[in-house]
C-alpha atoms as a PDB file:
ATOM      1  CA  MET A   1       1.639 -10.030   2.839  1.00  0.00           C
ATOM      2  CA  LYS A   2       5.085 -10.252   1.536  1.00  0.00           C
ATOM      3  CA  LEU A   3       6.427  -8.029  -1.010  1.00  0.00           C
ATOM      4  CA  ILE A   4       9.372  -9.498  -3.144  1.00  0.00           C
ATOM      5  CA  PHE A   5      11.269  -6.678  -4.897  1.00  0.00           C
ATOM      6  CA  SER A   6      14.746  -5.660  -6.190  1.00  0.00           C
ATOM      7  CA  GLY A   7      15.358  -3.111  -3.642  1.00  0.00           C
ATOM      8  CA  ASN A   8      16.763  -0.399  -5.852  1.00  0.00           C
ATOM      9  CA  ASP A   9      17.304   2.907  -4.113  1.00  0.00           C
ATOM     10  CA  TYR A  10      14.683   4.908  -6.178  1.00  0.00           C
ATOM     11  CA  ILE A  11      11.385   5.831  -5.913  1.00  0.00           C
ATOM     12  CA  HIS A  12       9.235   2.490  -6.030  1.00  0.00           C
ATOM     13  CA  LYS A  13       5.509   2.804  -6.881  1.00  0.00           C
ATOM     14  CA  VAL A  14       4.527   0.047  -4.794  1.00  0.00           C
ATOM     15  CA  LEU A  15       6.075   1.352  -1.626  1.00  0.00           C
ATOM     16  CA  VAL A  16       4.603   4.707  -2.363  1.00  0.00           C
ATOM     17  CA  VAL A  17       1.130   3.399  -2.762  1.00  0.00           C
ATOM     18  CA  ALA A  18       1.454   1.134   0.414  1.00  0.00           C
ATOM     19  CA  HIS A  19       2.523   4.288   2.299  1.00  0.00           C
ATOM     20  CA  GLU A  20      -0.465   6.192   0.997  1.00  0.00           C
ATOM     21  CA  ALA A  21      -2.870   3.588   1.841  1.00  0.00           C
ATOM     22  CA  GLY A  22      -1.447   3.179   5.212  1.00  0.00           C
ATOM     23  CA  VAL A  23      -0.467  -0.518   5.022  1.00  0.00           C
ATOM     24  CA  LEU A  24       3.470  -0.396   5.116  1.00  0.00           C
ATOM     25  CA  ASP A  25       3.216  -2.286   8.359  1.00  0.00           C
ATOM     26  CA  ARG A  26       1.218  -5.161   6.920  1.00  0.00           C
ATOM     27  CA  LEU A  27       4.054  -5.942   4.492  1.00  0.00           C
ATOM     28  CA  GLU A  28       7.031  -8.021   5.008  1.00  0.00           C
ATOM     29  CA  PHE A  29       9.801  -6.910   2.839  1.00  0.00           C
ATOM     30  CA  VAL A  30      11.967  -9.520   0.724  1.00  0.00           C
ATOM     31  CA  VAL A  31      14.855  -7.899  -1.140  1.00  0.00           C
ATOM     32  CA  ASN A  32      15.895 -10.193  -4.095  1.00  0.00           C
ATOM     33  CA  ASN A  33      18.932  -9.869  -6.494  1.00  0.00           C
ATOM     34  CA  PRO A  34      17.111 -10.589  -9.963  1.00  0.00           C
ATOM     35  CA  ILE A  35      20.345 -11.108 -11.701  1.00  0.00           C
ATOM     36  CA  ASP A  36      21.281 -14.128  -9.295  1.00  0.00           C
ATOM     37  CA  GLU A  37      20.442 -17.351 -11.039  1.00  0.00           C
ATOM     38  CA  ARG A  38      19.134 -18.538  -7.520  1.00  0.00           C
ATOM     39  CA  ALA A  39      16.803 -15.583  -7.223  1.00  0.00           C
ATOM     40  CA  ILE A  40      13.987 -16.498  -5.331  1.00  0.00           C
ATOM     41  CA  ILE A  41      11.722 -14.549  -7.522  1.00  0.00           C
ATOM     42  CA  TRP A  42      11.501 -17.571  -9.686  1.00  0.00           C
ATOM     43  CA  ASP A  43       9.699 -19.486  -7.124  1.00  0.00           C
ATOM     44  CA  TYR A  44       6.922 -17.044  -7.074  1.00  0.00           C
ATOM     45  CA  ASN A  45       6.617 -15.491 -10.566  1.00  0.00           C
ATOM     46  CA  PRO A  46       7.108 -17.560 -13.912  1.00  0.00           C
ATOM     47  CA  LEU A  47       8.166 -14.177 -15.544  1.00  0.00           C
ATOM     48  CA  GLY A  48      11.042 -13.860 -13.279  1.00  0.00           C
ATOM     49  CA  ARG A  49      10.115 -10.156 -12.787  1.00  0.00           C
ATOM     50  CA  HIS A  50       9.914  -7.968  -9.669  1.00  0.00           C
ATOM     51  CA  PRO A  51       7.954  -6.890  -7.900  1.00  0.00           C
ATOM     52  CA  VAL A  52       5.681  -9.505  -6.664  1.00  0.00           C
ATOM     53  CA  LEU A  53       3.037  -9.265  -3.882  1.00  0.00           C
ATOM     54  CA  VAL A  54       2.252 -12.440  -1.921  1.00  0.00           C
ATOM     55  CA  LEU A  55      -1.092 -12.016  -0.139  1.00  0.00           C
ATOM     56  CA  ASP A  56      -2.045 -13.643   3.297  1.00  0.00           C
ATOM     57  CA  ASP A  57      -4.105 -16.501   1.568  1.00  0.00           C
ATOM     58  CA  GLY A  58      -0.947 -17.397  -0.651  1.00  0.00           C
ATOM     59  CA  THR A  59      -2.159 -15.724  -3.770  1.00  0.00           C
ATOM     60  CA  VAL A  60       0.543 -14.082  -5.893  1.00  0.00           C
ATOM     61  CA  LEU A  61       0.225 -10.996  -7.705  1.00  0.00           C
ATOM     62  CA  TYR A  62       2.749 -10.394 -10.720  1.00  0.00           C
ATOM     63  CA  ALA A  63       3.912  -7.044 -11.556  1.00  0.00           C
ATOM     64  CA  GLY A  64       4.074  -3.689  -9.776  1.00  0.00           C
ATOM     65  CA  LEU A  65       1.021  -1.940 -11.098  1.00  0.00           C
ATOM     66  CA  LEU A  66      -1.358  -5.084 -10.208  1.00  0.00           C
ATOM     67  CA  SER A  67       0.063  -4.999  -6.619  1.00  0.00           C
ATOM     68  CA  CYS A  68      -0.470  -1.063  -6.667  1.00  0.00           C
ATOM     69  CA  GLU A  69      -4.144  -1.650  -7.382  1.00  0.00           C
ATOM     70  CA  TYR A  70      -4.605  -4.250  -4.580  1.00  0.00           C
ATOM     71  CA  LEU A  71      -2.805  -2.213  -1.882  1.00  0.00           C
ATOM     72  CA  ASP A  72      -4.801   0.822  -2.910  1.00  0.00           C
ATOM     73  CA  SER A  73      -8.032  -1.149  -2.472  1.00  0.00           C
ATOM     74  CA  LEU A  74      -7.135  -1.578   1.256  1.00  0.00           C
ATOM     75  CA  SER A  75      -7.023   2.057   1.738  1.00  0.00           C
ATOM     76  CA  ARG A  76      -9.559   3.712   4.188  1.00  0.00           C
ATOM     77  CA  GLY A  77      -8.552   7.039   2.596  1.00  0.00           C
ATOM     78  CA  LYS A  78      -8.653   8.862  -0.607  1.00  0.00           C
ATOM     79  CA  ARG A  79      -7.935   6.163  -3.196  1.00  0.00           C
ATOM     80  CA  LEU A  80      -4.839   6.610  -5.680  1.00  0.00           C
ATOM     81  CA  PHE A  81      -6.939   4.679  -8.486  1.00  0.00           C
ATOM     82  CA  PRO A  82      -9.953   6.927  -9.280  1.00  0.00           C
ATOM     83  CA  GLN A  83     -13.307   5.059  -9.342  1.00  0.00           C
ATOM     84  CA  ASP A  84     -15.196   8.165 -11.007  1.00  0.00           C
ATOM     85  CA  ALA A  85     -15.079   9.732 -14.734  1.00  0.00           C
ATOM     86  CA  THR A  86     -11.210  10.763 -14.021  1.00  0.00           C
ATOM     87  CA  ARG A  87     -10.047   7.200 -13.749  1.00  0.00           C
ATOM     88  CA  TRP A  88      -9.258   6.662 -17.565  1.00  0.00           C
ATOM     89  CA  LYS A  89      -6.985   9.809 -17.674  1.00  0.00           C
ATOM     90  CA  ALA A  90      -5.288   8.806 -14.513  1.00  0.00           C
ATOM     91  CA  LEU A  91      -4.547   5.157 -15.754  1.00  0.00           C
ATOM     92  CA  THR A  92      -3.339   6.551 -19.114  1.00  0.00           C
ATOM     93  CA  GLN A  93      -0.820   8.638 -17.205  1.00  0.00           C
ATOM     94  CA  MET A  94      -0.091   5.597 -15.181  1.00  0.00           C
ATOM     95  CA  VAL A  95       0.902   3.806 -18.360  1.00  0.00           C
ATOM     96  CA  LEU A  96       2.702   6.821 -19.680  1.00  0.00           C
ATOM     97  CA  GLY A  97       5.099   7.331 -16.502  1.00  0.00           C
ATOM     98  CA  ASP A  98       5.619   3.486 -16.236  1.00  0.00           C
ATOM     99  CA  GLY A  99       6.466   3.099 -19.795  1.00  0.00           C
ATOM    100  CA  MET A 100       8.955   5.798 -19.750  1.00  0.00           C
ATOM    101  CA  PHE A 101      10.361   4.022 -16.658  1.00  0.00           C
ATOM    102  CA  ASP A 102      10.733   0.790 -18.840  1.00  0.00           C
ATOM    103  CA  ALA A 103      12.663   2.719 -21.476  1.00  0.00           C
ATOM    104  CA  VAL A 104      14.886   4.308 -19.137  1.00  0.00           C
ATOM    105  CA  SER A 105      15.597   0.640 -17.563  1.00  0.00           C
ATOM    106  CA  VAL A 106      16.309  -0.711 -20.944  1.00  0.00           C
ATOM    107  CA  LEU A 107      18.658   2.099 -21.904  1.00  0.00           C
ATOM    108  CA  SER A 108      20.394   1.908 -18.462  1.00  0.00           C
ATOM    109  CA  VAL A 109      21.303  -1.826 -18.884  1.00  0.00           C
ATOM    110  CA  GLN A 110      22.313  -1.147 -22.630  1.00  0.00           C
ATOM    111  CA  ALA A 111      24.708   1.465 -21.354  1.00  0.00           C
ATOM    112  CA  LEU A 112      26.569  -1.122 -19.268  1.00  0.00           C
ATOM    113  CA  ARG A 113      27.192  -3.193 -22.268  1.00  0.00           C
ATOM    114  CA  PRO A 114      30.397  -2.552 -24.758  1.00  0.00           C
ATOM    115  CA  PRO A 115      29.325  -0.403 -27.606  1.00  0.00           C
ATOM    116  CA  GLU A 116      29.703  -3.484 -29.851  1.00  0.00           C
ATOM    117  CA  GLN A 117      26.991  -5.172 -28.264  1.00  0.00           C
ATOM    118  CA  ARG A 118      24.450  -2.812 -27.892  1.00  0.00           C
ATOM    119  CA  ALA A 119      21.160  -2.820 -30.071  1.00  0.00           C
ATOM    120  CA  HIS A 120      21.417   0.576 -31.763  1.00  0.00           C
ATOM    121  CA  ALA A 121      18.067   0.242 -33.437  1.00  0.00           C
ATOM    122  CA  ASP A 122      16.101  -0.747 -30.042  1.00  0.00           C
ATOM    123  CA  ASN A 123      17.984   1.976 -28.429  1.00  0.00           C
ATOM    124  CA  LEU A 124      16.945   4.804 -30.627  1.00  0.00           C
ATOM    125  CA  ARG A 125      13.386   3.641 -30.195  1.00  0.00           C
ATOM    126  CA  ASN A 126      13.768   3.786 -26.567  1.00  0.00           C
ATOM    127  CA  ARG A 127      15.449   7.146 -26.971  1.00  0.00           C
ATOM    128  CA  ARG A 128      12.385   8.560 -28.907  1.00  0.00           C
ATOM    129  CA  ARG A 129      10.116   6.954 -26.089  1.00  0.00           C
ATOM    130  CA  ILE A 130      11.648   9.074 -23.475  1.00  0.00           C
ATOM    131  CA  HIS A 131      11.416  12.454 -25.540  1.00  0.00           C
ATOM    132  CA  GLU A 132       7.647  11.577 -26.646  1.00  0.00           C
ATOM    133  CA  CYS A 133       6.890  10.839 -23.110  1.00  0.00           C
ATOM    134  CA  LEU A 134       8.363  14.096 -21.945  1.00  0.00           C
ATOM    135  CA  THR A 135       6.357  16.062 -24.477  1.00  0.00           C
ATOM    136  CA  VAL A 136       3.097  14.671 -23.093  1.00  0.00           C
ATOM    137  CA  MET A 137       3.886  14.661 -19.801  1.00  0.00           C
ATOM    138  CA  GLU A 138       4.795  18.480 -19.923  1.00  0.00           C
ATOM    139  CA  ARG A 139       1.359  19.072 -21.381  1.00  0.00           C
ATOM    140  CA  ASP A 140      -0.429  17.092 -18.658  1.00  0.00           C
ATOM    141  CA  ALA A 141       1.532  18.694 -16.053  1.00  0.00           C
ATOM    142  CA  ALA A 142       0.307  22.288 -17.150  1.00  0.00           C
ATOM    143  CA  HIS A 143      -3.443  21.034 -16.094  1.00  0.00           C
ATOM    144  CA  PHE A 144      -2.212  19.354 -12.692  1.00  0.00           C
ATOM    145  CA  LYS A 145      -3.969  20.982  -9.758  1.00  0.00           C
ATOM    146  CA  ASP A 146      -2.520  21.692  -6.387  1.00  0.00           C
ATOM    147  CA  GLY A 147      -3.483  18.693  -3.910  1.00  0.00           C
ATOM    148  CA  ASP A 148      -4.339  16.262  -6.802  1.00  0.00           C
ATOM    149  CA  PHE A 149      -2.493  12.957  -6.215  1.00  0.00           C
ATOM    150  CA  HIS A 150      -3.342   9.629  -8.221  1.00  0.00           C
ATOM    151  CA  ILE A 151      -1.453   6.688  -9.646  1.00  0.00           C
ATOM    152  CA  GLY A 152      -0.730   8.479 -12.644  1.00  0.00           C
ATOM    153  CA  HIS A 153       1.193  11.128 -10.507  1.00  0.00           C
ATOM    154  CA  VAL A 154       2.963   8.173  -8.847  1.00  0.00           C
ATOM    155  CA  CYS A 155       4.083   6.828 -12.159  1.00  0.00           C
ATOM    156  CA  PHE A 156       4.991  10.003 -13.458  1.00  0.00           C
ATOM    157  CA  ALA A 157       7.249  10.911 -10.424  1.00  0.00           C
ATOM    158  CA  GLY A 158       8.676   7.476 -10.767  1.00  0.00           C
ATOM    159  CA  GLY A 159       9.768   7.755 -14.366  1.00  0.00           C
ATOM    160  CA  LEU A 160      11.187  11.113 -14.000  1.00  0.00           C
ATOM    161  CA  SER A 161      13.152  10.182 -10.585  1.00  0.00           C
ATOM    162  CA  PHE A 162      14.643   7.156 -12.604  1.00  0.00           C
ATOM    163  CA  LEU A 163      15.527   9.360 -15.622  1.00  0.00           C
ATOM    164  CA  GLU A 164      17.032  11.787 -13.322  1.00  0.00           C
ATOM    165  CA  LEU A 165      19.184   9.270 -11.369  1.00  0.00           C
ATOM    166  CA  HIS A 166      20.567   7.337 -14.316  1.00  0.00           C
ATOM    167  CA  ASN A 167      20.308   9.491 -17.330  1.00  0.00           C
ATOM    168  CA  PRO A 168      21.178   6.724 -19.914  1.00  0.00           C
ATOM    169  CA  LEU A 169      20.814   9.235 -22.806  1.00  0.00           C
ATOM    170  CA  ARG A 170      24.088  10.800 -21.554  1.00  0.00           C
ATOM    171  CA  ARG A 171      26.026   7.601 -21.198  1.00  0.00           C
ATOM    172  CA  LEU A 172      24.863   6.174 -24.369  1.00  0.00           C
ATOM    173  CA  GLY A 173      25.415   9.287 -26.809  1.00  0.00           C
ATOM    174  CA  LEU A 174      23.003   8.106 -29.313  1.00  0.00           C
ATOM    175  CA  ASP A 175      22.701  11.672 -30.757  1.00  0.00           C
ATOM    176  CA  PRO A 176      25.277  14.479 -30.225  1.00  0.00           C
ATOM    177  CA  ALA A 177      22.582  16.559 -28.261  1.00  0.00           C
ATOM    178  CA  ASP A 178      22.567  13.684 -25.539  1.00  0.00           C
ATOM    179  CA  ALA A 179      25.864  14.809 -24.470  1.00  0.00           C
ATOM    180  CA  THR A 180      24.042  17.538 -22.272  1.00  0.00           C
ATOM    181  CA  PHE A 181      20.576  15.929 -22.000  1.00  0.00           C
ATOM    182  CA  ASP A 182      18.765  17.194 -19.073  1.00  0.00           C
ATOM    183  CA  TRP A 183      14.749  16.408 -19.016  1.00  0.00           C
ATOM    184  CA  ARG A 184      14.338  19.552 -16.979  1.00  0.00           C
ATOM    185  CA  VAL A 185      15.382  21.720 -20.122  1.00  0.00           C
ATOM    186  CA  GLY A 186      12.339  22.785 -22.129  1.00  0.00           C
ATOM    187  CA  HIS A 187       9.701  21.368 -19.556  1.00  0.00           C
ATOM    188  CA  PRO A 188       8.711  23.985 -17.091  1.00  0.00           C
ATOM    189  CA  ALA A 189       5.508  22.805 -16.189  1.00  0.00           C
ATOM    190  CA  LEU A 190       6.799  19.329 -15.469  1.00  0.00           C
ATOM    191  CA  VAL A 191       9.686  20.580 -13.618  1.00  0.00           C
ATOM    192  CA  ARG A 192       7.462  22.825 -11.182  1.00  0.00           C
ATOM    193  CA  TRP A 193       5.015  19.949 -10.484  1.00  0.00           C
ATOM    194  CA  TYR A 194       7.731  17.477  -9.773  1.00  0.00           C
ATOM    195  CA  ASP A 195       9.737  19.491  -7.511  1.00  0.00           C
ATOM    196  CA  ALA A 196       6.665  20.226  -5.640  1.00  0.00           C
ATOM    197  CA  VAL A 197       5.311  16.508  -5.519  1.00  0.00           C
ATOM    198  CA  ILE A 198       8.671  15.037  -4.863  1.00  0.00           C
ATOM    199  CA  GLN A 199       8.413  16.531  -1.379  1.00  0.00           C
ATOM    200  CA  ARG A 200       5.603  14.269  -0.562  1.00  0.00           C
ATOM    201  CA  PRO A 201       6.661  11.710   2.227  1.00  0.00           C
ATOM    202  CA  SER A 202       5.733   8.606   0.236  1.00  0.00           C
ATOM    203  CA  LEU A 203       7.601   9.681  -2.667  1.00  0.00           C
ATOM    204  CA  LYS A 204      10.569  10.467  -0.215  1.00  0.00           C
ATOM    205  CA  LEU A 205      10.441   7.013   1.192  1.00  0.00           C
ATOM    206  CA  ARG A 206      13.429   4.608   0.139  1.00  0.00           C
ATOM    207  CA  PRO A 207      13.861   0.847   1.065  1.00  0.00           C
ATOM    208  CA  SER A 208      16.568   1.949   3.336  1.00  0.00           C
ATOM    209  CA  ASP A 209      14.184   3.893   5.418  1.00  0.00           C
ATOM    210  CA  LEU A 210      12.276   0.807   6.237  1.00  0.00           C
ATOM    211  CA  GLY A 211      15.452  -1.209   7.354  1.00  0.00           C
ATOM    212  CA  VAL A 212      15.519  -3.187   4.260  1.00  0.00           C
ATOM    213  CA  VAL A 213      18.746  -4.267   3.214  1.00  0.00           C
ATOM    214  CA  GLY A 214      20.534  -7.161   1.643  1.00  0.00           C
ATOM    215  CA  THR A 215      19.015 -10.074  -0.885  1.00  0.00           C
ATOM    216  CA  SER A 216      17.964 -13.483  -0.697  1.00  0.00           C
ATOM    217  CA  ALA A 217      18.910 -16.362  -2.757  1.00  0.00           C
ATOM    218  CA  ARG A 218      16.702 -18.899  -4.197  1.00  0.00           C
ATOM    219  CA  ARG A 219      15.833 -21.882  -1.889  1.00  0.00           C
ATOM    220  CA  ARG A 220      17.424 -25.180  -2.736  1.00  0.00           C
ATOM    221  CA  PRO A 221      15.973 -28.633  -2.007  1.00  0.00           C
END
């Protein structure tokens, strides 16, 4: 199988699931610069978005969460996508964590633009998304049990890791309070859970640990 992704050095949910499922050795990694107009991602995904998983038979799976579910289906151990009554709660947490990741990503891009080119109303909405997500994540984390780990936890950890790495709220300064924004403040249950779960080998994995470096340009006729 071939995994085409951007290679950013943060927790990547697809790599985490592949590690947990024991199928990392079955993946060929292709790191692609999504900004390059020659990006090979367009040869595989009409949406032009990473990651993409290309199966051995040529089937292409768009988007990270779909790739995660397929890789999880190959696991011979405990599934990260629950098949019992806990499934819907886990999937809800999956969407929540991934949604916060997306909000952080959008704001991080906005922070790179000159102030006059920023979409202020949209930025405020994404700022609110981050705060609302943290509130619900703190509530959920208070009920997490030691040893539990599913796709919702993967996405919680990914969203928090990305937020901690980039912290676009500080960079954008949408509110005076953002100058000292730290997601850890006011979320004790979430901090305790995160600091423990982040030690999991799959969550510590980085593309560089797999020898994945460089990017690939789009093929030309």
